[in-house]
Amino acid sequence: VGASVDGKGQFTFGNTDTTTFPGMPRPDGQINLTVM
């Protein structure tokens, strides 16, 4: 419908830390998005 989204990214996960983000291992990384 005339719009678009493009994205790329990468994350690593610290499985020894599941409290910073409750219920999941702590992620580190980034995602780049372009919306037109």
PDB file of all heavy atoms in Angstrom:
ATOM      1  N   VAL A   1       0.812  -1.218   0.000  1.00  0.00           N
ATOM      2  CA  VAL A   1       0.000   0.000   0.000  1.00  0.00           C
ATOM      3  C   VAL A   1       0.848   1.271   0.000  1.00  0.00           C
ATOM      4  O   VAL A   1       0.559   2.234   0.693  1.00  0.00           O
ATOM      5  CB  VAL A   1      -1.009   0.004   1.176  1.00  0.00           C
ATOM      6  CG1 VAL A   1      -2.044  -1.080   0.990  1.00  0.00           C
ATOM      7  CG2 VAL A   1      -0.293  -0.160   2.528  1.00  0.00           C
ATOM      8  N   GLY A   2       1.928   1.266  -0.774  1.00  0.00           N
ATOM      9  CA  GLY A   2       2.731   2.461  -0.945  1.00  0.00           C
ATOM     10  C   GLY A   2       3.744   2.730   0.143  1.00  0.00           C
ATOM     11  O   GLY A   2       4.424   3.774   0.113  1.00  0.00           O
ATOM     12  N   ALA A   3       3.873   1.857   1.112  1.00  0.00           N
ATOM     13  CA  ALA A   3       4.856   2.024   2.188  1.00  0.00           C
ATOM     14  C   ALA A   3       5.772   0.808   2.233  1.00  0.00           C
ATOM     15  O   ALA A   3       5.455  -0.253   1.688  1.00  0.00           O
ATOM     16  CB  ALA A   3       4.158   2.209   3.532  1.00  0.00           C
ATOM     17  N   SER A   4       6.912   0.986   2.896  1.00  0.00           N
ATOM     18  CA  SER A   4       7.853  -0.127   2.998  1.00  0.00           C
ATOM     19  C   SER A   4       8.638  -0.038   4.294  1.00  0.00           C
ATOM     20  O   SER A   4       8.826   1.049   4.859  1.00  0.00           O
ATOM     21  CB  SER A   4       8.818  -0.140   1.809  1.00  0.00           C
ATOM     22  OG  SER A   4       9.678   0.990   1.850  1.00  0.00           O
ATOM     23  N   VAL A   5       9.079  -1.193   4.764  1.00  0.00           N
ATOM     24  CA  VAL A   5       9.935  -1.308   5.944  1.00  0.00           C
ATOM     25  C   VAL A   5      11.081  -2.237   5.583  1.00  0.00           C
ATOM     26  O   VAL A   5      10.865  -3.330   5.045  1.00  0.00           O
ATOM     27  CB  VAL A   5       9.169  -1.872   7.160  1.00  0.00           C
ATOM     28  CG1 VAL A   5      10.109  -2.030   8.350  1.00  0.00           C
ATOM     29  CG2 VAL A   5       7.996  -0.984   7.522  1.00  0.00           C
ATOM     30  N   ASP A   6      12.305  -1.797   5.867  1.00  0.00           N
ATOM     31  CA  ASP A   6      13.494  -2.629   5.669  1.00  0.00           C
ATOM     32  C   ASP A   6      14.290  -2.634   6.959  1.00  0.00           C
ATOM     33  O   ASP A   6      14.450  -1.577   7.609  1.00  0.00           O
ATOM     34  CB  ASP A   6      14.356  -2.089   4.528  1.00  0.00           C
ATOM     35  CG  ASP A   6      13.688  -2.249   3.175  1.00  0.00           C
ATOM     36  OD1 ASP A   6      13.697  -3.368   2.654  1.00  0.00           O
ATOM     37  OD2 ASP A   6      13.151  -1.247   2.671  1.00  0.00           O
ATOM     38  N   GLY A   7      14.807  -3.810   7.327  1.00  0.00           N
ATOM     39  CA  GLY A   7      15.548  -3.886   8.575  1.00  0.00           C
ATOM     40  C   GLY A   7      16.631  -4.934   8.570  1.00  0.00           C
ATOM     41  O   GLY A   7      16.523  -5.952   7.878  1.00  0.00           O
ATOM     42  N   LYS A   8      17.681  -4.661   9.342  1.00  0.00           N
ATOM     43  CA  LYS A   8      18.760  -5.609   9.592  1.00  0.00           C
ATOM     44  C   LYS A   8      19.255  -5.390  11.016  1.00  0.00           C
ATOM     45  O   LYS A   8      19.153  -4.283  11.552  1.00  0.00           O
ATOM     46  CB  LYS A   8      19.920  -5.427   8.606  1.00  0.00           C
ATOM     47  CG  LYS A   8      19.609  -5.828   7.180  1.00  0.00           C
ATOM     48  CD  LYS A   8      20.855  -5.724   6.298  1.00  0.00           C
ATOM     49  CE  LYS A   8      20.552  -6.190   4.882  1.00  0.00           C
ATOM     50  NZ  LYS A   8      21.758  -6.149   4.006  1.00  0.00           N
ATOM     51  N   GLY A   9      19.789  -6.439  11.619  1.00  0.00           N
ATOM     52  CA  GLY A   9      20.290  -6.274  12.972  1.00  0.00           C
ATOM     53  C   GLY A   9      20.906  -7.543  13.510  1.00  0.00           C
ATOM     54  O   GLY A   9      20.833  -8.607  12.885  1.00  0.00           O
ATOM     55  N   GLN A  10      21.528  -7.417  14.692  1.00  0.00           N
ATOM     56  CA  GLN A  10      22.179  -8.567  15.310  1.00  0.00           C
ATOM     57  C   GLN A  10      22.211  -8.380  16.820  1.00  0.00           C
ATOM     58  O   GLN A  10      22.450  -7.274  17.320  1.00  0.00           O
ATOM     59  CB  GLN A  10      23.606  -8.742  14.771  1.00  0.00           C
ATOM     60  CG  GLN A  10      24.292 -10.001  15.269  1.00  0.00           C
ATOM     61  CD  GLN A  10      25.631 -10.220  14.580  1.00  0.00           C
ATOM     62  OE1 GLN A  10      26.187  -9.290  14.011  1.00  0.00           O
ATOM     63  NE2 GLN A  10      26.149 -11.433  14.634  1.00  0.00           N
ATOM     64  N   PHE A  11      21.968  -9.481  17.545  1.00  0.00           N
ATOM     65  CA  PHE A  11      21.983  -9.454  18.999  1.00  0.00           C
ATOM     66  C   PHE A  11      22.693 -10.694  19.531  1.00  0.00           C
ATOM     67  O   PHE A  11      22.636 -11.771  18.923  1.00  0.00           O
ATOM     68  CB  PHE A  11      20.554  -9.432  19.567  1.00  0.00           C
ATOM     69  CG  PHE A  11      19.806  -8.162  19.306  1.00  0.00           C
ATOM     70  CD1 PHE A  11      19.025  -8.027  18.155  1.00  0.00           C
ATOM     71  CD2 PHE A  11      19.879  -7.104  20.183  1.00  0.00           C
ATOM     72  CE1 PHE A  11      18.327  -6.863  17.897  1.00  0.00           C
ATOM     73  CE2 PHE A  11      19.185  -5.926  19.944  1.00  0.00           C
ATOM     74  CZ  PHE A  11      18.422  -5.805  18.796  1.00  0.00           C
ATOM     75  N   THR A  12      23.363 -10.524  20.661  1.00  0.00           N
ATOM     76  CA  THR A  12      23.866 -11.649  21.446  1.00  0.00           C
ATOM     77  C   THR A  12      23.110 -11.658  22.770  1.00  0.00           C
ATOM     78  O   THR A  12      22.508 -10.649  23.168  1.00  0.00           O
ATOM     79  CB  THR A  12      25.375 -11.539  21.704  1.00  0.00           C
ATOM     80  OG1 THR A  12      25.648 -10.317  22.415  1.00  0.00           O
ATOM     81  CG2 THR A  12      26.153 -11.554  20.403  1.00  0.00           C
ATOM     82  N   PHE A  13      23.129 -12.791  23.467  1.00  0.00           N
ATOM     83  CA  PHE A  13      22.319 -12.934  24.669  1.00  0.00           C
ATOM     84  C   PHE A  13      23.158 -13.467  25.819  1.00  0.00           C
ATOM     85  O   PHE A  13      23.904 -14.441  25.665  1.00  0.00           O
ATOM     86  CB  PHE A  13      21.134 -13.872  24.409  1.00  0.00           C
ATOM     87  CG  PHE A  13      20.179 -13.331  23.379  1.00  0.00           C
ATOM     88  CD1 PHE A  13      20.388 -13.555  22.028  1.00  0.00           C
ATOM     89  CD2 PHE A  13      19.094 -12.570  23.767  1.00  0.00           C
ATOM     90  CE1 PHE A  13      19.516 -13.046  21.076  1.00  0.00           C
ATOM     91  CE2 PHE A  13      18.213 -12.051  22.819  1.00  0.00           C
ATOM     92  CZ  PHE A  13      18.423 -12.288  21.480  1.00  0.00           C
ATOM     93  N   GLY A  14      23.056 -12.786  26.968  1.00  0.00           N
ATOM     94  CA  GLY A  14      23.739 -13.219  28.179  1.00  0.00           C
ATOM     95  C   GLY A  14      22.829 -14.089  29.011  1.00  0.00           C
ATOM     96  O   GLY A  14      21.935 -13.589  29.717  1.00  0.00           O
ATOM     97  N   ASN A  15      23.022 -15.387  28.953  1.00  0.00           N
ATOM     98  CA  ASN A  15      22.116 -16.312  29.617  1.00  0.00           C
ATOM     99  C   ASN A  15      22.294 -16.354  31.121  1.00  0.00           C
ATOM    100  O   ASN A  15      21.479 -16.955  31.828  1.00  0.00           O
ATOM    101  CB  ASN A  15      22.291 -17.715  29.021  1.00  0.00           C
ATOM    102  CG  ASN A  15      21.703 -17.825  27.626  1.00  0.00           C
ATOM    103  OD1 ASN A  15      20.517 -18.061  27.463  1.00  0.00           O
ATOM    104  ND2 ASN A  15      22.550 -17.653  26.607  1.00  0.00           N
ATOM    105  N   THR A  16      23.351 -15.720  31.652  1.00  0.00           N
ATOM    106  CA  THR A  16      23.527 -15.678  33.105  1.00  0.00           C
ATOM    107  C   THR A  16      22.715 -14.557  33.742  1.00  0.00           C
ATOM    108  O   THR A  16      22.623 -14.484  34.966  1.00  0.00           O
ATOM    109  CB  THR A  16      25.021 -15.491  33.445  1.00  0.00           C
ATOM    110  OG1 THR A  16      25.492 -14.275  32.840  1.00  0.00           O
ATOM    111  CG2 THR A  16      25.840 -16.667  32.942  1.00  0.00           C
ATOM    112  N   ASP A  17      22.133 -13.697  32.918  1.00  0.00           N
ATOM    113  CA  ASP A  17      21.338 -12.573  33.425  1.00  0.00           C
ATOM    114  C   ASP A  17      19.932 -12.643  32.856  1.00  0.00           C
ATOM    115  O   ASP A  17      19.707 -12.346  31.683  1.00  0.00           O
ATOM    116  CB  ASP A  17      22.004 -11.243  33.043  1.00  0.00           C
ATOM    117  CG  ASP A  17      21.221 -10.028  33.542  1.00  0.00           C
ATOM    118  OD1 ASP A  17      20.178 -10.216  34.202  1.00  0.00           O
ATOM    119  OD2 ASP A  17      21.656  -8.897  33.261  1.00  0.00           O
ATOM    120  N   THR A  18      18.996 -13.054  33.694  1.00  0.00           N
ATOM    121  CA  THR A  18      17.594 -13.107  33.267  1.00  0.00           C
ATOM    122  C   THR A  18      16.729 -12.183  34.125  1.00  0.00           C
ATOM    123  O   THR A  18      15.502 -12.336  34.157  1.00  0.00           O
ATOM    124  CB  THR A  18      17.053 -14.546  33.357  1.00  0.00           C
ATOM    125  OG1 THR A  18      17.226 -15.022  34.698  1.00  0.00           O
ATOM    126  CG2 THR A  18      17.776 -15.465  32.390  1.00  0.00           C
ATOM    127  N   THR A  19      17.363 -11.233  34.812  1.00  0.00           N
ATOM    128  CA  THR A  19      16.622 -10.288  35.665  1.00  0.00           C
ATOM    129  C   THR A  19      16.545  -8.894  35.048  1.00  0.00           C
ATOM    130  O   THR A  19      15.569  -8.177  35.275  1.00  0.00           O
ATOM    131  CB  THR A  19      17.275 -10.199  37.052  1.00  0.00           C
ATOM    132  OG1 THR A  19      18.646  -9.791  36.905  1.00  0.00           O
ATOM    133  CG2 THR A  19      17.212 -11.551  37.761  1.00  0.00           C
ATOM    134  N   THR A  20      17.578  -8.485  34.298  1.00  0.00           N
ATOM    135  CA  THR A  20      17.531  -7.161  33.671  1.00  0.00           C
ATOM    136  C   THR A  20      16.311  -7.035  32.773  1.00  0.00           C
ATOM    137  O   THR A  20      15.602  -6.020  32.777  1.00  0.00           O
ATOM    138  CB  THR A  20      18.819  -6.905  32.867  1.00  0.00           C
ATOM    139  OG1 THR A  20      19.942  -6.989  33.737  1.00  0.00           O
ATOM    140  CG2 THR A  20      18.789  -5.525  32.227  1.00  0.00           C
ATOM    141  N   PHE A  21      16.081  -8.072  31.983  1.00  0.00           N
ATOM    142  CA  PHE A  21      14.852  -8.182  31.192  1.00  0.00           C
ATOM    143  C   PHE A  21      14.140  -9.436  31.698  1.00  0.00           C
ATOM    144  O   PHE A  21      14.466 -10.552  31.274  1.00  0.00           O
ATOM    145  CB  PHE A  21      15.155  -8.300  29.700  1.00  0.00           C
ATOM    146  CG  PHE A  21      15.769  -7.061  29.106  1.00  0.00           C
ATOM    147  CD1 PHE A  21      17.137  -6.848  29.158  1.00  0.00           C
ATOM    148  CD2 PHE A  21      14.972  -6.093  28.516  1.00  0.00           C
ATOM    149  CE1 PHE A  21      17.707  -5.711  28.621  1.00  0.00           C
ATOM    150  CE2 PHE A  21      15.520  -4.951  27.980  1.00  0.00           C
ATOM    151  CZ  PHE A  21      16.898  -4.752  28.035  1.00  0.00           C
ATOM    152  N   PRO A  22      13.226  -9.286  32.656  1.00  0.00           N
ATOM    153  CA  PRO A  22      12.639 -10.438  33.344  1.00  0.00           C
ATOM    154  C   PRO A  22      12.119 -11.506  32.388  1.00  0.00           C
ATOM    155  O   PRO A  22      11.398 -11.222  31.431  1.00  0.00           O
ATOM    156  CB  PRO A  22      11.491  -9.812  34.156  1.00  0.00           C
ATOM    157  CG  PRO A  22      11.920  -8.400  34.378  1.00  0.00           C
ATOM    158  CD  PRO A  22      12.659  -8.008  33.126  1.00  0.00           C
ATOM    159  N   GLY A  23      12.538 -12.743  32.673  1.00  0.00           N
ATOM    160  CA  GLY A  23      12.052 -13.877  31.916  1.00  0.00           C
ATOM    161  C   GLY A  23      12.814 -14.196  30.657  1.00  0.00           C
ATOM    162  O   GLY A  23      12.479 -15.167  29.969  1.00  0.00           O
ATOM    163  N   MET A  24      13.846 -13.387  30.323  1.00  0.00           N
ATOM    164  CA  MET A  24      14.619 -13.656  29.123  1.00  0.00           C
ATOM    165  C   MET A  24      16.081 -13.285  29.346  1.00  0.00           C
ATOM    166  O   MET A  24      16.390 -12.424  30.184  1.00  0.00           O
ATOM    167  CB  MET A  24      14.063 -12.875  27.930  1.00  0.00           C
ATOM    168  CG  MET A  24      14.172 -11.367  28.043  1.00  0.00           C
ATOM    169  SD  MET A  24      13.673 -10.502  26.528  1.00  0.00           S
ATOM    170  CE  MET A  24      15.037 -10.949  25.431  1.00  0.00           C
ATOM    171  N   PRO A  25      17.019 -13.931  28.625  1.00  0.00           N
ATOM    172  CA  PRO A  25      18.435 -13.559  28.748  1.00  0.00           C
ATOM    173  C   PRO A  25      18.669 -12.148  28.235  1.00  0.00           C
ATOM    174  O   PRO A  25      17.984 -11.688  27.322  1.00  0.00           O
ATOM    175  CB  PRO A  25      19.158 -14.607  27.911  1.00  0.00           C
ATOM    176  CG  PRO A  25      18.136 -15.095  26.950  1.00  0.00           C
ATOM    177  CD  PRO A  25      16.825 -15.034  27.662  1.00  0.00           C
ATOM    178  N   ARG A  26      19.656 -11.447  28.851  1.00  0.00           N
ATOM    179  CA  ARG A  26      19.900 -10.047  28.499  1.00  0.00           C
ATOM    180  C   ARG A  26      20.455  -9.932  27.088  1.00  0.00           C
ATOM    181  O   ARG A  26      21.485 -10.502  26.761  1.00  0.00           O
ATOM    182  CB  ARG A  26      20.893  -9.422  29.472  1.00  0.00           C
ATOM    183  CG  ARG A  26      21.052  -7.911  29.290  1.00  0.00           C
ATOM    184  CD  ARG A  26      22.208  -7.355  30.088  1.00  0.00           C
ATOM    185  NE  ARG A  26      23.482  -7.730  29.483  1.00  0.00           N
ATOM    186  CZ  ARG A  26      24.404  -8.455  30.105  1.00  0.00           C
ATOM    187  NH1 ARG A  26      24.203  -8.885  31.340  1.00  0.00           N
ATOM    188  NH2 ARG A  26      25.541  -8.752  29.494  1.00  0.00           N
ATOM    189  N   PRO A  27      19.774  -9.165  26.204  1.00  0.00           N
ATOM    190  CA  PRO A  27      20.283  -8.977  24.840  1.00  0.00           C
ATOM    191  C   PRO A  27      21.252  -7.811  24.767  1.00  0.00           C
ATOM    192  O   PRO A  27      21.168  -6.859  25.538  1.00  0.00           O
ATOM    193  CB  PRO A  27      19.009  -8.675  24.050  1.00  0.00           C
ATOM    194  CG  PRO A  27      18.103  -8.018  25.036  1.00  0.00           C
ATOM    195  CD  PRO A  27      18.424  -8.597  26.383  1.00  0.00           C
ATOM    196  N   ASP A  28      22.167  -7.903  23.812  1.00  0.00           N
ATOM    197  CA  ASP A  28      23.076  -6.814  23.470  1.00  0.00           C
ATOM    198  C   ASP A  28      23.211  -6.780  21.961  1.00  0.00           C
ATOM    199  O   ASP A  28      23.490  -7.807  21.336  1.00  0.00           O
ATOM    200  CB  ASP A  28      24.456  -7.007  24.109  1.00  0.00           C
ATOM    201  CG  ASP A  28      24.467  -6.673  25.588  1.00  0.00           C
ATOM    202  OD1 ASP A  28      24.489  -5.475  25.914  1.00  0.00           O
ATOM    203  OD2 ASP A  28      24.428  -7.618  26.408  1.00  0.00           O
ATOM    204  N   GLY A  29      23.006  -5.606  21.369  1.00  0.00           N
ATOM    205  CA  GLY A  29      23.108  -5.480  19.921  1.00  0.00           C
ATOM    206  C   GLY A  29      22.218  -4.365  19.423  1.00  0.00           C
ATOM    207  O   GLY A  29      21.756  -3.515  20.197  1.00  0.00           O
ATOM    208  N   GLN A  30      21.970  -4.352  18.126  1.00  0.00           N
ATOM    209  CA  GLN A  30      21.142  -3.297  17.564  1.00  0.00           C
ATOM    210  C   GLN A  30      20.443  -3.764  16.298  1.00  0.00           C
ATOM    211  O   GLN A  30      20.883  -4.723  15.649  1.00  0.00           O
ATOM    212  CB  GLN A  30      21.962  -2.043  17.271  1.00  0.00           C
ATOM    213  CG  GLN A  30      22.940  -2.178  16.113  1.00  0.00           C
ATOM    214  CD  GLN A  30      23.706  -0.890  15.845  1.00  0.00           C
ATOM    215  OE1 GLN A  30      24.119  -0.202  16.786  1.00  0.00           O
ATOM    216  NE2 GLN A  30      23.898  -0.560  14.581  1.00  0.00           N
ATOM    217  N   ILE A  31      19.360  -3.043  15.980  1.00  0.00           N
ATOM    218  CA  ILE A  31      18.635  -3.282  14.752  1.00  0.00           C
ATOM    219  C   ILE A  31      18.451  -1.948  14.045  1.00  0.00           C
ATOM    220  O   ILE A  31      18.152  -0.931  14.687  1.00  0.00           O
ATOM    221  CB  ILE A  31      17.274  -3.953  15.029  1.00  0.00           C
ATOM    222  CG1 ILE A  31      16.531  -4.220  13.712  1.00  0.00           C
ATOM    223  CG2 ILE A  31      16.424  -3.142  15.972  1.00  0.00           C
ATOM    224  CD1 ILE A  31      15.279  -5.060  13.893  1.00  0.00           C
ATOM    225  N   ASN A  32      18.675  -1.932  12.745  1.00  0.00           N
ATOM    226  CA  ASN A  32      18.542  -0.724  11.928  1.00  0.00           C
ATOM    227  C   ASN A  32      17.330  -0.863  11.027  1.00  0.00           C
ATOM    228  O   ASN A  32      17.195  -1.847  10.286  1.00  0.00           O
ATOM    229  CB  ASN A  32      19.795  -0.502  11.081  1.00  0.00           C
ATOM    230  CG  ASN A  32      21.039  -0.355  11.927  1.00  0.00           C
ATOM    231  OD1 ASN A  32      21.100   0.493  12.816  1.00  0.00           O
ATOM    232  ND2 ASN A  32      22.043  -1.187  11.662  1.00  0.00           N
ATOM    233  N   LEU A  33      16.443   0.141  11.091  1.00  0.00           N
ATOM    234  CA  LEU A  33      15.197   0.109  10.336  1.00  0.00           C
ATOM    235  C   LEU A  33      15.079   1.341   9.445  1.00  0.00           C
ATOM    236  O   LEU A  33      15.467   2.443   9.845  1.00  0.00           O
ATOM    237  CB  LEU A  33      13.993   0.058  11.281  1.00  0.00           C
ATOM    238  CG  LEU A  33      13.872  -1.172  12.191  1.00  0.00           C
ATOM    239  CD1 LEU A  33      12.782  -0.952  13.221  1.00  0.00           C
ATOM    240  CD2 LEU A  33      13.602  -2.423  11.373  1.00  0.00           C
ATOM    241  N   THR A  34      14.530   1.138   8.261  1.00  0.00           N
ATOM    242  CA  THR A  34      14.202   2.240   7.355  1.00  0.00           C
ATOM    243  C   THR A  34      12.747   2.098   6.945  1.00  0.00           C
ATOM    244  O   THR A  34      12.329   1.045   6.455  1.00  0.00           O
ATOM    245  CB  THR A  34      15.096   2.219   6.100  1.00  0.00           C
ATOM    246  OG1 THR A  34      16.469   2.326   6.490  1.00  0.00           O
ATOM    247  CG2 THR A  34      14.752   3.382   5.182  1.00  0.00           C
ATOM    248  N   VAL A  35      11.980   3.166   7.170  1.00  0.00           N
ATOM    249  CA  VAL A  35      10.556   3.169   6.857  1.00  0.00           C
ATOM    250  C   VAL A  35      10.300   4.254   5.815  1.00  0.00           C
ATOM    251  O   VAL A  35      10.631   5.423   6.028  1.00  0.00           O
ATOM    252  CB  VAL A  35       9.706   3.420   8.111  1.00  0.00           C
ATOM    253  CG1 VAL A  35       8.217   3.380   7.757  1.00  0.00           C
ATOM    254  CG2 VAL A  35      10.025   2.393   9.194  1.00  0.00           C
ATOM    255  N   MET A  36       9.696   3.871   4.699  1.00  0.00           N
ATOM    256  CA  MET A  36       9.389   4.818   3.631  1.00  0.00           C
ATOM    257  C   MET A  36       7.881   4.869   3.402  1.00  0.00           C
ATOM    258  O   MET A  36       7.209   3.830   3.399  1.00  0.00           O
ATOM    259  CB  MET A  36      10.098   4.422   2.327  1.00  0.00           C
ATOM    260  CG  MET A  36      11.617   4.378   2.438  1.00  0.00           C
ATOM    261  SD  MET A  36      12.406   3.889   0.867  1.00  0.00           S
ATOM    262  CE  MET A  36      11.930   5.274  -0.180  1.00  0.00           C
TER     263      MET A  36
END
